[in-house]
Amino acid sequence: MFGPVVRDHAVDMPKNFRKLALKVALSAKQAEGKLIVLDAAKSKTHKTKDMVKAFAGLGLTSALIIDEALDQNFIRAVANIPQVDVLPQKGLNVYDILRRDTLVLTKDAVAQLEARLK
């Protein structure tokens, strides 16, 4: 008679608060000096070993990479590296920014973010 009832206790945040939280997270990474802007996130090969060497050259151990148009070779090369995430610009959120040590953006993603946050 009294079966289980699915209840959702989630609380939605207003858009203005979400936008403000994203701005604060981005500015915090910039203030710490942990924000890197690249021309493009592309790879000639899909080999993870090459990406690990490139990240070691940049000094990246834990990174979140944001790009507007994702390159398939780059995604395949980075997929097996622990502590490294690749997201499209639309998928950027505060949790992922704070979870990773370094934030890497491409110039296209920066332009899209500026338009999104105005």
C-alpha atoms as a PDB file:
ATOM      1  CA  MET A   1       0.000   0.000   0.000  1.00  0.00           C
ATOM      2  CA  PHE A   2       2.738   2.476   0.926  1.00  0.00           C
ATOM      3  CA  GLY A   3       5.447   1.696  -1.607  1.00  0.00           C
ATOM      4  CA  PRO A   4       8.723   3.558  -2.041  1.00  0.00           C
ATOM      5  CA  VAL A   5       8.451   7.163  -3.197  1.00  0.00           C
ATOM      6  CA  VAL A   6      11.250   8.740  -5.215  1.00  0.00           C
ATOM      7  CA  ARG A   7      12.124  12.088  -3.730  1.00  0.00           C
ATOM      8  CA  ASP A   8      14.528  14.650  -5.128  1.00  0.00           C
ATOM      9  CA  HIS A   9      15.898  17.069  -2.558  1.00  0.00           C
ATOM     10  CA  ALA A  10      18.230  18.865  -4.960  1.00  0.00           C
ATOM     11  CA  VAL A  11      18.312  22.653  -4.818  1.00  0.00           C
ATOM     12  CA  ASP A  12      18.982  24.598  -7.990  1.00  0.00           C
ATOM     13  CA  MET A  13      21.223  27.612  -7.790  1.00  0.00           C
ATOM     14  CA  PRO A  14      20.220  30.745  -9.688  1.00  0.00           C
ATOM     15  CA  LYS A  15      22.096  31.440 -12.924  1.00  0.00           C
ATOM     16  CA  ASN A  16      23.686  34.577 -11.501  1.00  0.00           C
ATOM     17  CA  PHE A  17      25.201  32.625  -8.587  1.00  0.00           C
ATOM     18  CA  ARG A  18      26.562  29.913 -10.912  1.00  0.00           C
ATOM     19  CA  LYS A  19      28.094  32.551 -13.191  1.00  0.00           C
ATOM     20  CA  LEU A  20      29.634  34.362 -10.222  1.00  0.00           C
ATOM     21  CA  ALA A  21      31.068  31.099  -8.842  1.00  0.00           C
ATOM     22  CA  LEU A  22      32.675  30.362 -12.220  1.00  0.00           C
ATOM     23  CA  LYS A  23      34.194  33.856 -12.330  1.00  0.00           C
ATOM     24  CA  VAL A  24      35.575  33.496  -8.804  1.00  0.00           C
ATOM     25  CA  ALA A  25      37.075  30.057  -9.542  1.00  0.00           C
ATOM     26  CA  LEU A  26      38.747  31.328 -12.732  1.00  0.00           C
ATOM     27  CA  SER A  27      40.116  34.426 -11.002  1.00  0.00           C
ATOM     28  CA  ALA A  28      41.433  32.295  -8.121  1.00  0.00           C
ATOM     29  CA  LYS A  29      43.374  30.107 -10.559  1.00  0.00           C
ATOM     30  CA  GLN A  30      44.731  33.228 -12.267  1.00  0.00           C
ATOM     31  CA  ALA A  31      45.779  34.741  -8.921  1.00  0.00           C
ATOM     32  CA  GLU A  32      47.617  31.521  -7.992  1.00  0.00           C
ATOM     33  CA  GLY A  33      49.393  31.522 -11.348  1.00  0.00           C
ATOM     34  CA  LYS A  34      47.892  28.155 -12.250  1.00  0.00           C
ATOM     35  CA  LEU A  35      46.147  29.258 -15.450  1.00  0.00           C
ATOM     36  CA  ILE A  36      47.867  28.485 -18.769  1.00  0.00           C
ATOM     37  CA  VAL A  37      46.638  29.669 -22.172  1.00  0.00           C
ATOM     38  CA  LEU A  38      47.716  27.722 -25.258  1.00  0.00           C
ATOM     39  CA  ASP A  39      47.228  28.488 -28.947  1.00  0.00           C
ATOM     40  CA  ALA A  40      45.645  25.093 -29.593  1.00  0.00           C
ATOM     41  CA  ALA A  41      45.385  21.697 -27.927  1.00  0.00           C
ATOM     42  CA  LYS A  42      46.409  19.410 -30.755  1.00  0.00           C
ATOM     43  CA  SER A  43      48.616  16.373 -31.073  1.00  0.00           C
ATOM     44  CA  LYS A  44      50.342  14.898 -34.100  1.00  0.00           C
ATOM     45  CA  THR A  45      50.049  11.367 -32.739  1.00  0.00           C
ATOM     46  CA  HIS A  46      47.672   9.583 -30.415  1.00  0.00           C
ATOM     47  CA  LYS A  47      50.485   8.213 -28.240  1.00  0.00           C
ATOM     48  CA  THR A  48      50.196   8.802 -24.511  1.00  0.00           C
ATOM     49  CA  LYS A  49      53.972   8.664 -24.053  1.00  0.00           C
ATOM     50  CA  ASP A  50      54.405  11.798 -26.184  1.00  0.00           C
ATOM     51  CA  MET A  51      51.799  13.679 -24.153  1.00  0.00           C
ATOM     52  CA  VAL A  52      53.395  12.657 -20.860  1.00  0.00           C
ATOM     53  CA  LYS A  53      56.701  14.108 -22.078  1.00  0.00           C
ATOM     54  CA  ALA A  54      54.999  17.321 -23.204  1.00  0.00           C
ATOM     55  CA  PHE A  55      53.202  17.699 -19.857  1.00  0.00           C
ATOM     56  CA  ALA A  56      56.430  17.038 -17.975  1.00  0.00           C
ATOM     57  CA  GLY A  57      58.048  19.834 -19.990  1.00  0.00           C
ATOM     58  CA  LEU A  58      55.265  22.194 -18.909  1.00  0.00           C
ATOM     59  CA  GLY A  59      55.419  20.945 -15.326  1.00  0.00           C
ATOM     60  CA  LEU A  60      51.825  19.666 -15.304  1.00  0.00           C
ATOM     61  CA  THR A  61      50.838  16.829 -12.997  1.00  0.00           C
ATOM     62  CA  SER A  62      47.144  17.508 -12.398  1.00  0.00           C
ATOM     63  CA  ALA A  63      45.416  19.511 -15.117  1.00  0.00           C
ATOM     64  CA  LEU A  64      42.051  20.364 -16.594  1.00  0.00           C
ATOM     65  CA  ILE A  65      42.242  21.168 -20.297  1.00  0.00           C
ATOM     66  CA  ILE A  66      39.477  23.227 -21.900  1.00  0.00           C
ATOM     67  CA  ASP A  67      39.141  23.530 -25.665  1.00  0.00           C
ATOM     68  CA  GLU A  68      36.389  24.707 -27.980  1.00  0.00           C
ATOM     69  CA  ALA A  69      36.967  22.138 -30.742  1.00  0.00           C
ATOM     70  CA  LEU A  70      38.486  18.939 -29.412  1.00  0.00           C
ATOM     71  CA  ASP A  71      41.141  17.139 -31.486  1.00  0.00           C
ATOM     72  CA  GLN A  72      40.644  13.352 -31.521  1.00  0.00           C
ATOM     73  CA  ASN A  73      44.385  12.568 -31.407  1.00  0.00           C
ATOM     74  CA  PHE A  74      44.758  14.849 -28.391  1.00  0.00           C
ATOM     75  CA  ILE A  75      41.818  13.239 -26.585  1.00  0.00           C
ATOM     76  CA  ARG A  76      43.205   9.735 -27.205  1.00  0.00           C
ATOM     77  CA  ALA A  77      46.677  10.740 -26.067  1.00  0.00           C
ATOM     78  CA  VAL A  78      45.443  12.305 -22.829  1.00  0.00           C
ATOM     79  CA  ALA A  79      42.776   9.704 -21.984  1.00  0.00           C
ATOM     80  CA  ASN A  80      45.134   7.361 -20.124  1.00  0.00           C
ATOM     81  CA  ILE A  81      46.976  10.016 -18.126  1.00  0.00           C
ATOM     82  CA  PRO A  82      45.775  10.063 -14.506  1.00  0.00           C
ATOM     83  CA  GLN A  83      44.796  13.408 -12.975  1.00  0.00           C
ATOM     84  CA  VAL A  84      44.238  15.008 -16.407  1.00  0.00           C
ATOM     85  CA  ASP A  85      40.774  15.821 -17.743  1.00  0.00           C
ATOM     86  CA  VAL A  86      39.739  17.263 -21.101  1.00  0.00           C
ATOM     87  CA  LEU A  87      36.443  19.130 -21.398  1.00  0.00           C
ATOM     88  CA  PRO A  88      34.769  21.212 -24.064  1.00  0.00           C
ATOM     89  CA  GLN A  89      34.239  24.864 -23.171  1.00  0.00           C
ATOM     90  CA  LYS A  90      30.515  24.319 -22.555  1.00  0.00           C
ATOM     91  CA  GLY A  91      31.268  21.624 -19.974  1.00  0.00           C
ATOM     92  CA  LEU A  92      33.384  23.899 -17.768  1.00  0.00           C
ATOM     93  CA  ASN A  93      32.207  23.936 -14.156  1.00  0.00           C
ATOM     94  CA  VAL A  94      33.473  25.090 -10.782  1.00  0.00           C
ATOM     95  CA  TYR A  95      33.914  21.595  -9.353  1.00  0.00           C
ATOM     96  CA  ASP A  96      36.301  20.506 -12.102  1.00  0.00           C
ATOM     97  CA  ILE A  97      38.267  23.774 -11.907  1.00  0.00           C
ATOM     98  CA  LEU A  98      38.863  23.398  -8.177  1.00  0.00           C
ATOM     99  CA  ARG A  99      39.514  19.643  -8.375  1.00  0.00           C
ATOM    100  CA  ARG A 100      42.556  19.925 -10.655  1.00  0.00           C
ATOM    101  CA  ASP A 101      45.745  21.812  -9.841  1.00  0.00           C
ATOM    102  CA  THR A 102      46.284  23.592 -13.177  1.00  0.00           C
ATOM    103  CA  LEU A 103      43.763  24.957 -15.653  1.00  0.00           C
ATOM    104  CA  VAL A 104      44.832  24.935 -19.307  1.00  0.00           C
ATOM    105  CA  LEU A 105      42.722  26.925 -21.774  1.00  0.00           C
ATOM    106  CA  THR A 106      43.041  27.444 -25.502  1.00  0.00           C
ATOM    107  CA  LYS A 107      42.637  30.882 -27.070  1.00  0.00           C
ATOM    108  CA  ASP A 108      39.325  29.859 -28.652  1.00  0.00           C
ATOM    109  CA  ALA A 109      38.020  28.698 -25.286  1.00  0.00           C
ATOM    110  CA  VAL A 110      39.076  31.981 -23.660  1.00  0.00           C
ATOM    111  CA  ALA A 111      37.149  33.950 -26.296  1.00  0.00           C
ATOM    112  CA  GLN A 112      34.068  31.780 -25.773  1.00  0.00           C
ATOM    113  CA  LEU A 113      34.336  32.107 -21.974  1.00  0.00           C
ATOM    114  CA  GLU A 114      34.552  35.886 -22.202  1.00  0.00           C
ATOM    115  CA  ALA A 115      31.385  35.941 -24.300  1.00  0.00           C
ATOM    116  CA  ARG A 116      29.676  33.500 -21.913  1.00  0.00           C
ATOM    117  CA  LEU A 117      30.522  35.430 -18.746  1.00  0.00           C
ATOM    118  CA  LYS A 118      29.605  38.925 -19.933  1.00  0.00           C
END
